[in-house]
Amino acid sequence: MIAAVFFDVDFTLIYPGPAFQGEGYRRFCAEHGIDVDSTRYDAAVRHALSALDAVQDHVYDHEVFVRYIGRIIEEMGGSG
């Protein structure tokens, strides 16, 4: 028997639904009183990638992803 586990981050193997795209970020932020521009999502992700590139330790650290998501939201115009 062969068993496998796949870990996917940002469209590598699986294209996620709208929750993980610009409109999903806009809806999530709106639920928390943060106004963002969903059209800025693609540029925001490109800008936020540096938060992941800076990581040298390959041990999982949830704070890295918190900073990454925070940067995306900020680049989409969100604050607070």
N, C-alpha and C. Protein backbone atom coordinates (compact mmCIF):
# COMPACT_ATOMS: atom_id res chain seq x y z
N MET A 1 0.84 -1.18 0.00
CA MET A 1 0.00 0.00 0.00
C MET A 1 0.88 1.25 0.00
N ILE A 2 0.53 2.19 -0.81
CA ILE A 2 1.24 3.46 -0.87
C ILE A 2 0.38 4.53 -0.22
N ALA A 3 0.98 5.28 0.68
CA ALA A 3 0.28 6.39 1.32
C ALA A 3 1.09 7.65 1.11
N ALA A 4 0.42 8.74 0.90
CA ALA A 4 1.12 10.00 0.66
C ALA A 4 0.35 11.14 1.28
N VAL A 5 1.08 12.14 1.66
CA VAL A 5 0.49 13.37 2.18
C VAL A 5 1.08 14.51 1.36
N PHE A 6 0.23 15.36 0.83
CA PHE A 6 0.67 16.51 0.04
C PHE A 6 0.42 17.78 0.84
N PHE A 7 1.40 18.63 0.86
CA PHE A 7 1.25 19.96 1.44
C PHE A 7 1.35 20.96 0.29
N ASP A 8 0.37 21.81 0.18
CA ASP A 8 0.32 22.75 -0.94
C ASP A 8 0.22 24.17 -0.41
N VAL A 9 1.02 25.06 -0.97
CA VAL A 9 0.98 26.46 -0.58
C VAL A 9 0.81 27.31 -1.83
N ASP A 10 -0.25 28.09 -1.87
CA ASP A 10 -0.49 29.05 -2.95
C ASP A 10 -0.37 28.48 -4.36
N PHE A 11 -1.30 27.67 -4.74
CA PHE A 11 -1.51 27.25 -6.12
C PHE A 11 -0.44 26.32 -6.69
N THR A 12 0.38 25.69 -5.88
CA THR A 12 1.40 24.79 -6.40
C THR A 12 0.76 23.57 -7.06
N LEU A 13 -0.10 22.89 -6.36
CA LEU A 13 -0.75 21.70 -6.89
C LEU A 13 -2.26 21.88 -7.06
N ILE A 14 -2.84 22.61 -6.15
CA ILE A 14 -4.29 22.75 -6.12
C ILE A 14 -4.65 24.23 -6.23
N TYR A 15 -5.61 24.52 -7.08
CA TYR A 15 -6.08 25.90 -7.21
C TYR A 15 -7.23 26.09 -6.22
N PRO A 16 -7.00 26.86 -5.15
CA PRO A 16 -8.03 27.00 -4.11
C PRO A 16 -9.21 27.84 -4.58
N GLY A 17 -10.28 27.71 -3.85
CA GLY A 17 -11.48 28.47 -4.15
C GLY A 17 -11.33 29.94 -3.82
N PRO A 18 -12.40 30.69 -3.95
CA PRO A 18 -12.36 32.14 -3.78
C PRO A 18 -11.95 32.62 -2.39
N ALA A 19 -12.04 31.77 -1.38
CA ALA A 19 -11.65 32.18 -0.02
C ALA A 19 -10.19 32.59 0.04
N PHE A 20 -9.36 32.01 -0.83
CA PHE A 20 -7.93 32.30 -0.82
C PHE A 20 -7.50 33.12 -2.02
N GLN A 21 -8.43 33.93 -2.52
CA GLN A 21 -8.15 34.85 -3.61
C GLN A 21 -8.60 36.24 -3.16
N GLY A 22 -8.44 37.22 -4.01
CA GLY A 22 -8.73 38.60 -3.65
C GLY A 22 -10.11 38.82 -3.06
N GLU A 23 -11.12 38.26 -3.67
CA GLU A 23 -12.49 38.46 -3.18
C GLU A 23 -12.69 37.81 -1.82
N GLY A 24 -12.07 36.68 -1.60
CA GLY A 24 -12.16 36.02 -0.29
C GLY A 24 -11.51 36.84 0.80
N TYR A 25 -10.36 37.42 0.49
CA TYR A 25 -9.70 38.30 1.45
C TYR A 25 -10.57 39.52 1.72
N ARG A 26 -11.20 40.08 0.68
CA ARG A 26 -12.06 41.25 0.86
C ARG A 26 -13.23 40.92 1.79
N ARG A 27 -13.88 39.78 1.55
CA ARG A 27 -15.02 39.38 2.39
C ARG A 27 -14.59 39.14 3.83
N PHE A 28 -13.49 38.41 4.02
CA PHE A 28 -13.00 38.14 5.37
C PHE A 28 -12.69 39.44 6.10
N CYS A 29 -11.97 40.32 5.44
CA CYS A 29 -11.60 41.59 6.07
C CYS A 29 -12.84 42.42 6.39
N ALA A 30 -13.82 42.44 5.48
CA ALA A 30 -15.05 43.20 5.72
C ALA A 30 -15.77 42.70 6.96
N GLU A 31 -15.74 41.39 7.19
CA GLU A 31 -16.37 40.83 8.40
C GLU A 31 -15.70 41.33 9.67
N HIS A 32 -14.46 41.81 9.54
CA HIS A 32 -13.71 42.29 10.70
C HIS A 32 -13.49 43.80 10.65
N GLY A 33 -14.30 44.50 9.82
CA GLY A 33 -14.27 45.95 9.77
C GLY A 33 -13.06 46.54 9.05
N ILE A 34 -12.41 45.75 8.19
CA ILE A 34 -11.24 46.23 7.46
C ILE A 34 -11.60 46.32 5.98
N ASP A 35 -11.37 47.48 5.39
CA ASP A 35 -11.69 47.71 3.98
C ASP A 35 -10.44 47.48 3.14
N VAL A 36 -10.51 46.52 2.20
CA VAL A 36 -9.39 46.26 1.30
C VAL A 36 -9.90 46.24 -0.13
N ASP A 37 -8.98 46.42 -1.06
CA ASP A 37 -9.28 46.43 -2.49
C ASP A 37 -8.88 45.08 -3.08
N SER A 38 -9.86 44.27 -3.45
CA SER A 38 -9.58 42.92 -3.95
C SER A 38 -8.78 42.93 -5.26
N THR A 39 -8.83 44.01 -6.01
CA THR A 39 -8.07 44.08 -7.27
C THR A 39 -6.57 44.20 -7.02
N ARG A 40 -6.18 44.51 -5.81
CA ARG A 40 -4.75 44.63 -5.47
C ARG A 40 -4.15 43.32 -4.95
N TYR A 41 -4.95 42.25 -4.94
CA TYR A 41 -4.51 40.98 -4.36
C TYR A 41 -3.24 40.43 -5.01
N ASP A 42 -3.21 40.32 -6.32
CA ASP A 42 -2.05 39.71 -6.99
C ASP A 42 -0.75 40.45 -6.68
N ALA A 43 -0.79 41.77 -6.75
CA ALA A 43 0.40 42.57 -6.42
C ALA A 43 0.75 42.43 -4.94
N ALA A 44 -0.27 42.34 -4.10
CA ALA A 44 -0.04 42.19 -2.65
C ALA A 44 0.67 40.88 -2.34
N VAL A 45 0.27 39.82 -3.00
CA VAL A 45 0.92 38.52 -2.78
C VAL A 45 2.37 38.59 -3.23
N ARG A 46 2.63 39.17 -4.39
CA ARG A 46 4.02 39.30 -4.85
C ARG A 46 4.86 40.07 -3.84
N HIS A 47 4.32 41.13 -3.28
CA HIS A 47 5.04 41.93 -2.30
C HIS A 47 5.27 41.15 -1.01
N ALA A 48 4.27 40.39 -0.59
CA ALA A 48 4.34 39.66 0.68
C ALA A 48 5.28 38.46 0.63
N LEU A 49 5.59 37.98 -0.55
CA LEU A 49 6.46 36.80 -0.66
C LEU A 49 7.80 36.98 0.02
N SER A 50 8.27 38.20 0.13
CA SER A 50 9.55 38.43 0.79
C SER A 50 9.51 37.98 2.25
N ALA A 51 8.33 37.97 2.85
CA ALA A 51 8.20 37.49 4.24
C ALA A 51 8.50 36.00 4.31
N LEU A 52 8.19 35.27 3.25
CA LEU A 52 8.48 33.84 3.22
C LEU A 52 9.92 33.58 2.79
N ASP A 53 10.42 34.40 1.86
CA ASP A 53 11.79 34.24 1.38
C ASP A 53 12.83 34.47 2.47
N ALA A 54 12.49 35.32 3.43
CA ALA A 54 13.43 35.68 4.49
C ALA A 54 13.63 34.55 5.51
N VAL A 55 12.76 33.55 5.49
CA VAL A 55 12.84 32.46 6.46
C VAL A 55 13.96 31.50 6.07
N GLN A 56 14.88 31.30 6.98
CA GLN A 56 15.98 30.39 6.73
C GLN A 56 15.77 29.04 7.40
N ASP A 57 15.04 29.03 8.49
CA ASP A 57 14.78 27.80 9.23
C ASP A 57 13.58 27.09 8.60
N HIS A 58 13.72 25.83 8.30
CA HIS A 58 12.65 25.10 7.63
C HIS A 58 11.68 24.42 8.60
N VAL A 59 11.75 24.80 9.85
CA VAL A 59 10.80 24.29 10.85
C VAL A 59 9.56 25.18 10.79
N TYR A 60 8.38 24.57 10.83
CA TYR A 60 7.14 25.33 10.74
C TYR A 60 7.04 26.34 11.88
N ASP A 61 6.70 27.56 11.52
CA ASP A 61 6.49 28.63 12.49
C ASP A 61 5.27 29.42 12.04
N HIS A 62 4.17 29.30 12.78
CA HIS A 62 2.93 29.95 12.36
C HIS A 62 3.07 31.46 12.27
N GLU A 63 3.98 32.05 13.03
CA GLU A 63 4.17 33.51 12.98
C GLU A 63 4.61 33.98 11.59
N VAL A 64 5.35 33.15 10.88
CA VAL A 64 5.76 33.49 9.52
C VAL A 64 4.53 33.70 8.64
N PHE A 65 3.56 32.81 8.76
CA PHE A 65 2.37 32.90 7.94
C PHE A 65 1.44 34.02 8.41
N VAL A 66 1.44 34.31 9.70
CA VAL A 66 0.68 35.45 10.20
C VAL A 66 1.23 36.75 9.60
N ARG A 67 2.56 36.88 9.56
CA ARG A 67 3.18 38.06 8.95
C ARG A 67 2.89 38.13 7.45
N TYR A 68 2.94 36.98 6.79
CA TYR A 68 2.67 36.90 5.35
C TYR A 68 1.26 37.38 5.03
N ILE A 69 0.27 36.85 5.74
CA ILE A 69 -1.12 37.24 5.51
C ILE A 69 -1.32 38.71 5.88
N GLY A 70 -0.69 39.15 6.97
CA GLY A 70 -0.79 40.55 7.36
C GLY A 70 -0.26 41.48 6.27
N ARG A 71 0.83 41.10 5.66
CA ARG A 71 1.40 41.91 4.57
C ARG A 71 0.45 41.97 3.38
N ILE A 72 -0.16 40.85 3.06
CA ILE A 72 -1.11 40.84 1.95
C ILE A 72 -2.24 41.82 2.23
N ILE A 73 -2.80 41.74 3.42
CA ILE A 73 -3.92 42.63 3.78
C ILE A 73 -3.47 44.09 3.77
N GLU A 74 -2.31 44.38 4.28
CA GLU A 74 -1.80 45.76 4.26
C GLU A 74 -1.62 46.26 2.83
N GLU A 75 -1.06 45.41 1.96
CA GLU A 75 -0.84 45.80 0.57
C GLU A 75 -2.13 45.96 -0.21
N MET A 76 -3.21 45.36 0.31
CA MET A 76 -4.52 45.53 -0.31
C MET A 76 -5.23 46.75 0.25
N GLY A 77 -4.54 47.49 1.13
CA GLY A 77 -5.10 48.73 1.66
C GLY A 77 -5.63 48.62 3.07
N GLY A 78 -5.54 47.46 3.68
CA GLY A 78 -6.08 47.26 5.01
C GLY A 78 -5.16 47.78 6.09
N SER A 79 -5.74 48.20 7.18
CA SER A 79 -4.97 48.64 8.35
C SER A 79 -5.83 48.42 9.58
N GLY A 80 -5.16 48.45 10.72
CA GLY A 80 -5.90 48.32 11.97
C GLY A 80 -5.59 47.05 12.69
